[in-house]
Amino acid sequence: MADTDKNLVIFDTDPGIDDAMALLFLKAQPSLKLAAITTVFGNAETDITTRNALYLTQRFGIDAPVYSGATQPLTIKRLRAPTFVHGDDGLGDVDVVEGFSAEPAEGHAADRIVEIIRANPGKVTILAVAPLTNLALALERDPGIAALVKDVVIMGGAFAWGGRRGNATPVAEANVHNDPHAADKVFTAAWPVTAIGLDVTSHCMASHDDAAELAESGEAGRFLWDISRGYEALYRQRNQMDGCCLHDVAAAAYLVAPDLFTLRSGPVRVVTEGIAIGQSIQKLDEHSFGPNAWDGHPSKLVAADADFAGIVESYKTAIRSLG
């Protein structure tokens, strides 16, 4: 397949163990071409997530420029990075990035998002698996990109369709909770958004045996095994799970296999203050209420269910194919 026939993707990310899983999943997809990788704070500080993105592209031969982005949320104070999840280095503290340094491509991530969309109208999908600050800043710089982007797919939100609540607070998912004001801007903008939230991603689990099998399949699988030992142990300790969730992979899988997902349509708002800050709430199109904060905002798609086994199998197939 020629590059001109491939779907262009901007991968907005905060690597991050599951971000690394998603990036390698994307590399394995012949129908996709990464136009850029844009980094932001979240799983670690922005300088660390940028270094990690550069490391991953160089180690695994991923031909995409890396642009560094936002270091702070739009409004709230930056929350402490979850080093207990991803390690101090963002990749499991197993020294894979020790001594590595490289510089990102020139320019702020938000500016480059605008430029790439403007240069490729109707052809670019943004896949955002991190706090949505870069996307909100891009909209502030040029609201016109909303009419030019092909799609915006995010790993974010907890909508409680299957009773699933948050992972940062009882009601908030971490990416949205890290910058709720940015998330609300992204959800209320006049562009298409599909949210793959915890309602789906928390059921997409790669088991310990899955990870061990992939570790025998080649360099990519071995790398992911190495960086995810502490990640898997945390899931075992906190959730009594024999493996770990493929949060970001699930959102990436939507780009190549949307038929695996069941979606619900309606406007989405994000709570931006109080004890429920970061909560994402969808008003379904078929539900009517009196005047409310969802009125006048465009409908978005939210994943309510999925073929979880199919998503996990597509991940395993992708990593095996990298050798």
C-alpha atoms as a PDB file:
ATOM      1  CA  MET A   1       0.000   0.000   0.000  1.00  0.00           C
ATOM      2  CA  ALA A   2       1.450   3.382  -1.018  1.00  0.00           C
ATOM      3  CA  ASP A   3       1.784   6.024   1.691  1.00  0.00           C
ATOM      4  CA  THR A   4      -0.679   8.240  -0.199  1.00  0.00           C
ATOM      5  CA  ASP A   5      -3.356   5.568   0.271  1.00  0.00           C
ATOM      6  CA  LYS A   6      -2.878   5.314   4.030  1.00  0.00           C
ATOM      7  CA  ASN A   7      -4.898   7.060   6.717  1.00  0.00           C
ATOM      8  CA  LEU A   8      -2.896   9.857   8.339  1.00  0.00           C
ATOM      9  CA  VAL A   9      -2.721   9.772  12.149  1.00  0.00           C
ATOM     10  CA  ILE A  10      -1.440  12.268  14.694  1.00  0.00           C
ATOM     11  CA  PHE A  11      -0.716  10.302  17.863  1.00  0.00           C
ATOM     12  CA  ASP A  12      -1.069  12.565  20.909  1.00  0.00           C
ATOM     13  CA  THR A  13       0.471  10.704  23.814  1.00  0.00           C
ATOM     14  CA  ASP A  14       2.239  10.679  27.183  1.00  0.00           C
ATOM     15  CA  PRO A  15       4.413   7.516  27.119  1.00  0.00           C
ATOM     16  CA  GLY A  16       3.646   5.675  29.467  1.00  0.00           C
ATOM     17  CA  ILE A  17       3.609   1.882  29.353  1.00  0.00           C
ATOM     18  CA  ASP A  18       0.254   1.402  27.653  1.00  0.00           C
ATOM     19  CA  ASP A  19       1.140   4.286  25.304  1.00  0.00           C
ATOM     20  CA  ALA A  20       4.170   2.271  24.207  1.00  0.00           C
ATOM     21  CA  MET A  21       1.891  -0.717  23.613  1.00  0.00           C
ATOM     22  CA  ALA A  22      -0.411   1.448  21.493  1.00  0.00           C
ATOM     23  CA  LEU A  23       2.448   2.980  19.498  1.00  0.00           C
ATOM     24  CA  LEU A  24       3.807  -0.444  18.551  1.00  0.00           C
ATOM     25  CA  PHE A  25       0.257  -1.550  17.698  1.00  0.00           C
ATOM     26  CA  LEU A  26       0.013   1.451  15.337  1.00  0.00           C
ATOM     27  CA  LYS A  27       3.372   0.654  13.751  1.00  0.00           C
ATOM     28  CA  ALA A  28       2.050  -2.779  12.799  1.00  0.00           C
ATOM     29  CA  GLN A  29      -0.983  -1.413  10.898  1.00  0.00           C
ATOM     30  CA  PRO A  30      -0.389  -1.265   7.127  1.00  0.00           C
ATOM     31  CA  SER A  31      -3.407   1.009   6.590  1.00  0.00           C
ATOM     32  CA  LEU A  32      -2.067   3.783   8.848  1.00  0.00           C
ATOM     33  CA  LYS A  33       0.709   6.343   8.489  1.00  0.00           C
ATOM     34  CA  LEU A  34       1.872   8.328  11.495  1.00  0.00           C
ATOM     35  CA  ALA A  35       2.070  11.960  10.437  1.00  0.00           C
ATOM     36  CA  ALA A  36       3.398  13.022  13.842  1.00  0.00           C
ATOM     37  CA  ILE A  37       3.703  12.071  17.477  1.00  0.00           C
ATOM     38  CA  THR A  38       2.821  14.894  19.855  1.00  0.00           C
ATOM     39  CA  THR A  39       3.631  14.691  23.540  1.00  0.00           C
ATOM     40  CA  VAL A  40       2.104  16.112  26.684  1.00  0.00           C
ATOM     41  CA  PHE A  41       2.285  15.734  30.463  1.00  0.00           C
ATOM     42  CA  GLY A  42       0.332  12.929  32.086  1.00  0.00           C
ATOM     43  CA  ASN A  43       1.969   9.619  32.899  1.00  0.00           C
ATOM     44  CA  ALA A  44       5.159  11.633  33.462  1.00  0.00           C
ATOM     45  CA  GLU A  45       6.334  15.204  32.935  1.00  0.00           C
ATOM     46  CA  THR A  46       6.486  16.410  29.338  1.00  0.00           C
ATOM     47  CA  ASP A  47      10.265  16.266  29.044  1.00  0.00           C
ATOM     48  CA  ILE A  48      10.138  12.606  30.067  1.00  0.00           C
ATOM     49  CA  THR A  49       7.207  11.664  27.815  1.00  0.00           C
ATOM     50  CA  THR A  50       8.956  13.419  24.906  1.00  0.00           C
ATOM     51  CA  ARG A  51      12.197  11.550  25.555  1.00  0.00           C
ATOM     52  CA  ASN A  52      10.263   8.292  25.736  1.00  0.00           C
ATOM     53  CA  ALA A  53       8.507   8.975  22.422  1.00  0.00           C
ATOM     54  CA  LEU A  54      11.850   9.737  20.795  1.00  0.00           C
ATOM     55  CA  TYR A  55      13.347   6.567  22.244  1.00  0.00           C
ATOM     56  CA  LEU A  56      10.478   4.433  20.970  1.00  0.00           C
ATOM     57  CA  THR A  57      10.602   5.883  17.466  1.00  0.00           C
ATOM     58  CA  GLN A  58      14.350   5.367  17.214  1.00  0.00           C
ATOM     59  CA  ARG A  59      14.466   1.899  18.747  1.00  0.00           C
ATOM     60  CA  PHE A  60      11.607   0.521  16.654  1.00  0.00           C
ATOM     61  CA  GLY A  61      12.179   2.423  13.423  1.00  0.00           C
ATOM     62  CA  ILE A  62       8.991   4.480  13.529  1.00  0.00           C
ATOM     63  CA  ASP A  63       9.157   7.145  10.845  1.00  0.00           C
ATOM     64  CA  ALA A  64       7.338  10.064  12.447  1.00  0.00           C
ATOM     65  CA  PRO A  65       8.520  13.389  13.863  1.00  0.00           C
ATOM     66  CA  VAL A  66       8.060  13.932  17.604  1.00  0.00           C
ATOM     67  CA  TYR A  67       6.834  17.348  18.767  1.00  0.00           C
ATOM     68  CA  SER A  68       6.814  18.359  22.419  1.00  0.00           C
ATOM     69  CA  GLY A  69       3.668  19.979  23.747  1.00  0.00           C
ATOM     70  CA  ALA A  70       1.940  21.271  26.852  1.00  0.00           C
ATOM     71  CA  THR A  71       3.623  20.987  30.232  1.00  0.00           C
ATOM     72  CA  GLN A  72       0.665  22.192  32.326  1.00  0.00           C
ATOM     73  CA  PRO A  73      -3.144  21.994  32.222  1.00  0.00           C
ATOM     74  CA  LEU A  74      -5.101  24.966  30.884  1.00  0.00           C
ATOM     75  CA  THR A  75      -6.460  26.111  34.245  1.00  0.00           C
ATOM     76  CA  ILE A  76      -5.934  23.776  37.177  1.00  0.00           C
ATOM     77  CA  LYS A  77      -2.668  23.071  38.951  1.00  0.00           C
ATOM     78  CA  ARG A  78      -0.691  20.174  37.477  1.00  0.00           C
ATOM     79  CA  LEU A  79      -1.424  16.953  39.331  1.00  0.00           C
ATOM     80  CA  ARG A  80       1.432  14.756  40.489  1.00  0.00           C
ATOM     81  CA  ALA A  81       2.578  12.259  37.865  1.00  0.00           C
ATOM     82  CA  PRO A  82       1.554   8.654  38.675  1.00  0.00           C
ATOM     83  CA  THR A  83       5.064   7.298  39.154  1.00  0.00           C
ATOM     84  CA  PHE A  84       3.599   4.397  41.148  1.00  0.00           C
ATOM     85  CA  VAL A  85       1.970   3.227  37.900  1.00  0.00           C
ATOM     86  CA  HIS A  86       4.523   3.932  35.164  1.00  0.00           C
ATOM     87  CA  GLY A  87       7.712   4.465  37.158  1.00  0.00           C
ATOM     88  CA  ASP A  88       9.880   7.537  37.501  1.00  0.00           C
ATOM     89  CA  ASP A  89      11.052   7.163  33.913  1.00  0.00           C
ATOM     90  CA  GLY A  90       7.556   6.498  32.530  1.00  0.00           C
ATOM     91  CA  LEU A  91       8.597   3.114  31.156  1.00  0.00           C
ATOM     92  CA  GLY A  92       8.615   0.862  34.169  1.00  0.00           C
ATOM     93  CA  ASP A  93      11.981   1.838  35.720  1.00  0.00           C
ATOM     94  CA  VAL A  94      13.815  -1.049  34.037  1.00  0.00           C
ATOM     95  CA  ASP A  95      16.556   1.220  32.657  1.00  0.00           C
ATOM     96  CA  VAL A  96      15.611   0.901  28.992  1.00  0.00           C
ATOM     97  CA  VAL A  97      16.018   4.664  28.512  1.00  0.00           C
ATOM     98  CA  GLU A  98      18.996   5.156  30.810  1.00  0.00           C
ATOM     99  CA  GLY A  99      21.530   7.397  29.087  1.00  0.00           C
ATOM    100  CA  PHE A 100      19.276   8.085  26.100  1.00  0.00           C
ATOM    101  CA  SER A 101      18.779  11.674  24.990  1.00  0.00           C
ATOM    102  CA  ALA A 102      17.465  13.258  21.796  1.00  0.00           C
ATOM    103  CA  GLU A 103      15.795  16.484  20.756  1.00  0.00           C
ATOM    104  CA  PRO A 104      12.235  16.700  19.419  1.00  0.00           C
ATOM    105  CA  ALA A 105      11.450  18.294  16.095  1.00  0.00           C
ATOM    106  CA  GLU A 106      11.121  22.073  16.122  1.00  0.00           C
ATOM    107  CA  GLY A 107       7.830  23.655  17.118  1.00  0.00           C
ATOM    108  CA  HIS A 108       5.094  23.261  19.705  1.00  0.00           C
ATOM    109  CA  ALA A 109       2.829  20.244  19.339  1.00  0.00           C
ATOM    110  CA  ALA A 110      -0.343  22.358  19.132  1.00  0.00           C
ATOM    111  CA  ASP A 111       1.056  24.430  16.260  1.00  0.00           C
ATOM    112  CA  ARG A 112       2.118  21.320  14.392  1.00  0.00           C
ATOM    113  CA  ILE A 113      -1.314  19.740  14.854  1.00  0.00           C
ATOM    114  CA  VAL A 114      -2.831  22.812  13.199  1.00  0.00           C
ATOM    115  CA  GLU A 115      -0.299  22.770  10.352  1.00  0.00           C
ATOM    116  CA  ILE A 116      -0.710  19.067   9.582  1.00  0.00           C
ATOM    117  CA  ILE A 117      -4.510  19.285   9.528  1.00  0.00           C
ATOM    118  CA  ARG A 118      -4.428  22.429   7.362  1.00  0.00           C
ATOM    119  CA  ALA A 119      -2.046  20.727   4.933  1.00  0.00           C
ATOM    120  CA  ASN A 120      -4.214  17.589   4.701  1.00  0.00           C
ATOM    121  CA  PRO A 121      -7.873  18.646   4.934  1.00  0.00           C
ATOM    122  CA  GLY A 122     -10.253  15.770   5.571  1.00  0.00           C
ATOM    123  CA  LYS A 123      -7.444  13.221   5.818  1.00  0.00           C
ATOM    124  CA  VAL A 124      -6.098  13.407   9.393  1.00  0.00           C
ATOM    125  CA  THR A 125      -7.310  11.461  12.411  1.00  0.00           C
ATOM    126  CA  ILE A 126      -6.070  12.570  15.813  1.00  0.00           C
ATOM    127  CA  LEU A 127      -5.624   9.668  18.217  1.00  0.00           C
ATOM    128  CA  ALA A 128      -5.270  11.176  21.696  1.00  0.00           C
ATOM    129  CA  VAL A 129      -4.449   8.850  24.590  1.00  0.00           C
ATOM    130  CA  ALA A 130      -3.346  11.495  27.086  1.00  0.00           C
ATOM    131  CA  PRO A 131      -4.638  14.662  28.722  1.00  0.00           C
ATOM    132  CA  LEU A 132      -6.275  16.719  25.966  1.00  0.00           C
ATOM    133  CA  THR A 133      -4.350  19.950  26.487  1.00  0.00           C
ATOM    134  CA  ASN A 134      -2.554  19.908  23.119  1.00  0.00           C
ATOM    135  CA  LEU A 135      -5.861  19.458  21.297  1.00  0.00           C
ATOM    136  CA  ALA A 136      -7.520  22.288  23.226  1.00  0.00           C
ATOM    137  CA  LEU A 137      -4.557  24.576  22.483  1.00  0.00           C
ATOM    138  CA  ALA A 138      -4.719  23.679  18.793  1.00  0.00           C
ATOM    139  CA  LEU A 139      -8.401  24.650  18.755  1.00  0.00           C
ATOM    140  CA  GLU A 140      -7.581  27.952  20.464  1.00  0.00           C
ATOM    141  CA  ARG A 141      -4.906  28.699  17.882  1.00  0.00           C
ATOM    142  CA  ASP A 142      -7.135  27.841  14.929  1.00  0.00           C
ATOM    143  CA  PRO A 143     -10.809  26.945  15.521  1.00  0.00           C
ATOM    144  CA  GLY A 144     -11.139  26.279  11.796  1.00  0.00           C
ATOM    145  CA  ILE A 145      -9.345  22.950  12.083  1.00  0.00           C
ATOM    146  CA  ALA A 146     -12.542  21.484  13.577  1.00  0.00           C
ATOM    147  CA  ALA A 147     -14.097  21.473  10.113  1.00  0.00           C
ATOM    148  CA  LEU A 148     -10.987  20.015   8.470  1.00  0.00           C
ATOM    149  CA  VAL A 149     -10.087  17.048  10.677  1.00  0.00           C
ATOM    150  CA  LYS A 150     -11.289  13.592   9.620  1.00  0.00           C
ATOM    151  CA  ASP A 151     -11.833  12.273  13.157  1.00  0.00           C
ATOM    152  CA  VAL A 152     -10.717  12.687  16.761  1.00  0.00           C
ATOM    153  CA  VAL A 153     -10.484   9.441  18.706  1.00  0.00           C
ATOM    154  CA  ILE A 154      -9.604   9.641  22.366  1.00  0.00           C
ATOM    155  CA  MET A 155      -8.861   7.236  25.154  1.00  0.00           C
ATOM    156  CA  GLY A 156     -10.642   9.080  27.887  1.00  0.00           C
ATOM    157  CA  GLY A 157     -13.672   9.302  30.080  1.00  0.00           C
ATOM    158  CA  ALA A 158     -15.712   7.019  32.280  1.00  0.00           C
ATOM    159  CA  PHE A 159     -19.380   7.142  31.327  1.00  0.00           C
ATOM    160  CA  ALA A 160     -20.733   4.384  33.591  1.00  0.00           C
ATOM    161  CA  TRP A 161     -22.586   2.590  30.803  1.00  0.00           C
ATOM    162  CA  GLY A 162     -21.606  -0.761  32.239  1.00  0.00           C
ATOM    163  CA  GLY A 163     -21.401   0.502  35.799  1.00  0.00           C
ATOM    164  CA  ARG A 164     -17.711   1.362  35.355  1.00  0.00           C
ATOM    165  CA  ARG A 165     -16.639   4.501  37.186  1.00  0.00           C
ATOM    166  CA  GLY A 166     -13.332   6.351  37.310  1.00  0.00           C
ATOM    167  CA  ASN A 167      -9.733   5.399  37.972  1.00  0.00           C
ATOM    168  CA  ALA A 168      -8.430   8.786  39.120  1.00  0.00           C
ATOM    169  CA  THR A 169     -11.405   9.447  41.420  1.00  0.00           C
ATOM    170  CA  PRO A 170     -14.658   7.525  41.924  1.00  0.00           C
ATOM    171  CA  VAL A 171     -16.103   9.315  38.871  1.00  0.00           C
ATOM    172  CA  ALA A 172     -13.160  10.568  36.779  1.00  0.00           C
ATOM    173  CA  GLU A 173     -10.840   8.854  34.307  1.00  0.00           C
ATOM    174  CA  ALA A 174      -7.186   9.932  34.541  1.00  0.00           C
ATOM    175  CA  ASN A 175      -6.668  11.606  31.145  1.00  0.00           C
ATOM    176  CA  VAL A 176      -9.783  13.746  31.525  1.00  0.00           C
ATOM    177  CA  HIS A 177      -9.076  14.396  35.202  1.00  0.00           C
ATOM    178  CA  ASN A 178      -5.580  15.702  34.393  1.00  0.00           C
ATOM    179  CA  ASP A 179      -7.068  18.593  32.415  1.00  0.00           C
ATOM    180  CA  PRO A 180     -10.867  18.725  32.664  1.00  0.00           C
ATOM    181  CA  HIS A 181     -11.096  22.181  31.084  1.00  0.00           C
ATOM    182  CA  ALA A 182      -9.237  20.973  27.998  1.00  0.00           C
ATOM    183  CA  ALA A 183     -11.426  17.881  27.823  1.00  0.00           C
ATOM    184  CA  ASP A 184     -14.604  19.963  27.959  1.00  0.00           C
ATOM    185  CA  LYS A 185     -13.289  22.162  25.120  1.00  0.00           C
ATOM    186  CA  VAL A 186     -12.506  19.103  23.019  1.00  0.00           C
ATOM    187  CA  PHE A 187     -15.884  17.479  23.650  1.00  0.00           C
ATOM    188  CA  THR A 188     -17.869  20.646  22.902  1.00  0.00           C
ATOM    189  CA  ALA A 189     -15.956  21.676  19.765  1.00  0.00           C
ATOM    190  CA  ALA A 190     -17.555  21.317  16.340  1.00  0.00           C
ATOM    191  CA  TRP A 191     -15.473  18.345  15.234  1.00  0.00           C
ATOM    192  CA  PRO A 192     -16.180  14.608  15.325  1.00  0.00           C
ATOM    193  CA  VAL A 193     -15.093  12.862  18.514  1.00  0.00           C
ATOM    194  CA  THR A 194     -15.215   9.189  19.418  1.00  0.00           C
ATOM    195  CA  ALA A 195     -14.374   8.455  23.059  1.00  0.00           C
ATOM    196  CA  ILE A 196     -13.118   5.021  24.024  1.00  0.00           C
ATOM    197  CA  GLY A 197     -13.334   5.209  27.804  1.00  0.00           C
ATOM    198  CA  LEU A 198     -12.971   2.949  30.795  1.00  0.00           C
ATOM    199  CA  ASP A 199     -16.375   1.426  30.020  1.00  0.00           C
ATOM    200  CA  VAL A 200     -14.545  -0.527  27.299  1.00  0.00           C
ATOM    201  CA  THR A 201     -10.830  -0.315  28.004  1.00  0.00           C
ATOM    202  CA  SER A 202     -11.038  -1.734  31.522  1.00  0.00           C
ATOM    203  CA  HIS A 203     -12.359  -4.981  30.016  1.00  0.00           C
ATOM    204  CA  CYS A 204      -9.573  -5.306  27.421  1.00  0.00           C
ATOM    205  CA  MET A 205      -7.041  -7.278  29.410  1.00  0.00           C
ATOM    206  CA  ALA A 206      -3.867  -8.920  28.174  1.00  0.00           C
ATOM    207  CA  SER A 207      -3.228 -11.765  30.578  1.00  0.00           C
ATOM    208  CA  HIS A 208       0.123 -12.691  32.091  1.00  0.00           C
ATOM    209  CA  ASP A 209       0.243 -15.642  29.711  1.00  0.00           C
ATOM    210  CA  ASP A 210      -0.516 -13.360  26.748  1.00  0.00           C
ATOM    211  CA  ALA A 211       2.406 -11.123  27.693  1.00  0.00           C
ATOM    212  CA  ALA A 212       4.706 -14.109  28.213  1.00  0.00           C
ATOM    213  CA  GLU A 213       3.753 -15.502  24.804  1.00  0.00           C
ATOM    214  CA  LEU A 214       4.451 -12.168  23.104  1.00  0.00           C
ATOM    215  CA  ALA A 215       7.792 -11.928  24.899  1.00  0.00           C
ATOM    216  CA  GLU A 216       8.859 -15.001  22.922  1.00  0.00           C
ATOM    217  CA  SER A 217       7.708 -13.549  19.594  1.00  0.00           C
ATOM    218  CA  GLY A 218      10.476 -10.996  19.086  1.00  0.00           C
ATOM    219  CA  GLU A 219      12.033  -7.730  20.211  1.00  0.00           C
ATOM    220  CA  ALA A 220       8.782  -5.759  20.469  1.00  0.00           C
ATOM    221  CA  GLY A 221       7.092  -8.367  22.645  1.00  0.00           C
ATOM    222  CA  ARG A 222      10.150  -8.757  24.853  1.00  0.00           C
ATOM    223  CA  PHE A 223      10.406  -4.982  25.305  1.00  0.00           C
ATOM    224  CA  LEU A 224       6.747  -4.712  26.308  1.00  0.00           C
ATOM    225  CA  TRP A 225       7.163  -7.621  28.718  1.00  0.00           C
ATOM    226  CA  ASP A 226      10.145  -5.937  30.365  1.00  0.00           C
ATOM    227  CA  ILE A 227       8.539  -2.540  30.888  1.00  0.00           C
ATOM    228  CA  SER A 228       5.189  -3.916  32.083  1.00  0.00           C
ATOM    229  CA  ARG A 229       6.278  -6.128  35.003  1.00  0.00           C
ATOM    230  CA  GLY A 230       5.532  -3.464  37.613  1.00  0.00           C
ATOM    231  CA  TYR A 231       2.422  -2.359  35.720  1.00  0.00           C
ATOM    232  CA  GLU A 232       1.059  -5.896  35.775  1.00  0.00           C
ATOM    233  CA  ALA A 233       1.939  -6.310  39.451  1.00  0.00           C
ATOM    234  CA  LEU A 234      -0.069  -3.168  40.270  1.00  0.00           C
ATOM    235  CA  TYR A 235      -3.125  -4.590  38.511  1.00  0.00           C
ATOM    236  CA  ARG A 236      -2.696  -7.826  40.434  1.00  0.00           C
ATOM    237  CA  GLN A 237      -2.434  -5.975  43.740  1.00  0.00           C
ATOM    238  CA  ARG A 238      -5.214  -3.415  43.214  1.00  0.00           C
ATOM    239  CA  ASN A 239      -7.656  -5.203  40.927  1.00  0.00           C
ATOM    240  CA  GLN A 240      -6.895  -8.884  41.456  1.00  0.00           C
ATOM    241  CA  MET A 241      -6.271  -9.159  37.703  1.00  0.00           C
ATOM    242  CA  ASP A 242      -3.968 -11.686  36.057  1.00  0.00           C
ATOM    243  CA  GLY A 243      -2.584  -9.209  33.545  1.00  0.00           C
ATOM    244  CA  CYS A 244      -3.095  -5.555  32.645  1.00  0.00           C
ATOM    245  CA  CYS A 245      -5.597  -3.445  30.738  1.00  0.00           C
ATOM    246  CA  LEU A 246      -4.875  -2.316  27.187  1.00  0.00           C
ATOM    247  CA  HIS A 247      -6.396   1.132  27.648  1.00  0.00           C
ATOM    248  CA  ASP A 248      -4.601   2.994  24.867  1.00  0.00           C
ATOM    249  CA  VAL A 249      -4.471  -0.027  22.571  1.00  0.00           C
ATOM    250  CA  ALA A 250      -8.273  -0.228  22.672  1.00  0.00           C
ATOM    251  CA  ALA A 251      -8.554   3.332  21.358  1.00  0.00           C
ATOM    252  CA  ALA A 252      -5.955   2.599  18.680  1.00  0.00           C
ATOM    253  CA  ALA A 253      -7.881  -0.515  17.668  1.00  0.00           C
ATOM    254  CA  TYR A 254     -10.904   1.638  16.846  1.00  0.00           C
ATOM    255  CA  LEU A 255      -8.936   3.191  13.981  1.00  0.00           C
ATOM    256  CA  VAL A 256      -8.599  -0.138  12.176  1.00  0.00           C
ATOM    257  CA  ALA A 257     -11.571  -2.136  13.496  1.00  0.00           C
ATOM    258  CA  PRO A 258     -14.454   0.182  14.411  1.00  0.00           C
ATOM    259  CA  ASP A 259     -16.900  -2.704  13.946  1.00  0.00           C
ATOM    260  CA  LEU A 260     -15.599  -4.150  17.226  1.00  0.00           C
ATOM    261  CA  PHE A 261     -17.253  -1.296  19.145  1.00  0.00           C
ATOM    262  CA  THR A 262     -20.816  -0.404  20.158  1.00  0.00           C
ATOM    263  CA  LEU A 263     -21.251   3.376  20.248  1.00  0.00           C
ATOM    264  CA  ARG A 264     -23.788   5.748  21.754  1.00  0.00           C
ATOM    265  CA  SER A 265     -24.417   9.246  20.440  1.00  0.00           C
ATOM    266  CA  GLY A 266     -25.023  12.471  22.322  1.00  0.00           C
ATOM    267  CA  PRO A 267     -23.296  15.626  23.553  1.00  0.00           C
ATOM    268  CA  VAL A 268     -20.678  15.257  26.276  1.00  0.00           C
ATOM    269  CA  ARG A 269     -19.731  17.670  29.034  1.00  0.00           C
ATOM    270  CA  VAL A 270     -16.936  17.454  31.609  1.00  0.00           C
ATOM    271  CA  VAL A 271     -17.254  18.676  35.194  1.00  0.00           C
ATOM    272  CA  THR A 272     -14.599  21.358  35.781  1.00  0.00           C
ATOM    273  CA  GLU A 273     -14.895  22.056  39.504  1.00  0.00           C
ATOM    274  CA  GLY A 274     -15.933  20.511  42.787  1.00  0.00           C
ATOM    275  CA  ILE A 275     -15.614  16.976  44.095  1.00  0.00           C
ATOM    276  CA  ALA A 276     -16.721  15.519  40.732  1.00  0.00           C
ATOM    277  CA  ILE A 277     -14.081  17.413  38.718  1.00  0.00           C
ATOM    278  CA  GLY A 278     -13.110  15.399  35.663  1.00  0.00           C
ATOM    279  CA  GLN A 279     -16.354  13.452  35.442  1.00  0.00           C
ATOM    280  CA  SER A 280     -17.455  12.967  31.811  1.00  0.00           C
ATOM    281  CA  ILE A 281     -21.210  12.854  31.213  1.00  0.00           C
ATOM    282  CA  GLN A 282     -23.026  12.100  27.983  1.00  0.00           C
ATOM    283  CA  LYS A 283     -26.638  13.095  27.344  1.00  0.00           C
ATOM    284  CA  LEU A 284     -27.980  10.543  24.881  1.00  0.00           C
ATOM    285  CA  ASP A 285     -29.615  11.984  21.775  1.00  0.00           C
ATOM    286  CA  GLU A 286     -32.877  10.171  22.478  1.00  0.00           C
ATOM    287  CA  HIS A 287     -33.234  11.598  25.998  1.00  0.00           C
ATOM    288  CA  SER A 288     -35.026  14.895  26.550  1.00  0.00           C
ATOM    289  CA  PHE A 289     -34.652  17.262  29.495  1.00  0.00           C
ATOM    290  CA  GLY A 290     -35.393  20.839  30.362  1.00  0.00           C
ATOM    291  CA  PRO A 291     -32.782  23.512  29.548  1.00  0.00           C
ATOM    292  CA  ASN A 292     -29.343  22.216  30.534  1.00  0.00           C
ATOM    293  CA  ALA A 293     -25.599  22.492  29.983  1.00  0.00           C
ATOM    294  CA  TRP A 294     -25.648  19.974  27.094  1.00  0.00           C
ATOM    295  CA  ASP A 295     -28.000  22.094  24.965  1.00  0.00           C
ATOM    296  CA  GLY A 296     -26.492  23.494  21.787  1.00  0.00           C
ATOM    297  CA  HIS A 297     -23.440  21.250  21.784  1.00  0.00           C
ATOM    298  CA  PRO A 298     -22.783  18.745  18.983  1.00  0.00           C
ATOM    299  CA  SER A 299     -23.256  15.042  19.574  1.00  0.00           C
ATOM    300  CA  LYS A 300     -20.198  12.842  20.074  1.00  0.00           C
ATOM    301  CA  LEU A 301     -19.781   9.074  19.981  1.00  0.00           C
ATOM    302  CA  VAL A 302     -18.942   7.153  23.139  1.00  0.00           C
ATOM    303  CA  ALA A 303     -18.052   3.453  23.278  1.00  0.00           C
ATOM    304  CA  ALA A 304     -20.526   1.638  25.509  1.00  0.00           C
ATOM    305  CA  ASP A 305     -19.475  -1.925  24.720  1.00  0.00           C
ATOM    306  CA  ALA A 306     -17.026  -3.829  22.529  1.00  0.00           C
ATOM    307  CA  ASP A 307     -15.710  -7.204  21.454  1.00  0.00           C
ATOM    308  CA  PHE A 308     -13.069  -7.264  24.182  1.00  0.00           C
ATOM    309  CA  ALA A 309     -11.536 -10.557  23.119  1.00  0.00           C
ATOM    310  CA  GLY A 310     -11.323  -9.292  19.545  1.00  0.00           C
ATOM    311  CA  ILE A 311      -9.431  -6.184  20.621  1.00  0.00           C
ATOM    312  CA  VAL A 312      -6.951  -8.220  22.661  1.00  0.00           C
ATOM    313  CA  GLU A 313      -6.431 -10.658  19.792  1.00  0.00           C
ATOM    314  CA  SER A 314      -5.807  -7.790  17.349  1.00  0.00           C
ATOM    315  CA  TYR A 315      -3.157  -6.465  19.731  1.00  0.00           C
ATOM    316  CA  LYS A 316      -1.466  -9.830  20.005  1.00  0.00           C
ATOM    317  CA  THR A 317      -1.506 -10.257  16.223  1.00  0.00           C
ATOM    318  CA  ALA A 318       0.039  -6.819  15.765  1.00  0.00           C
ATOM    319  CA  ILE A 319       2.896  -7.352  18.215  1.00  0.00           C
ATOM    320  CA  ARG A 320       3.658 -10.805  16.809  1.00  0.00           C
ATOM    321  CA  SER A 321       3.875  -9.306  13.314  1.00  0.00           C
ATOM    322  CA  LEU A 322       6.646  -6.924  14.403  1.00  0.00           C
ATOM    323  CA  GLY A 323       8.912  -9.849  15.271  1.00  0.00           C
END
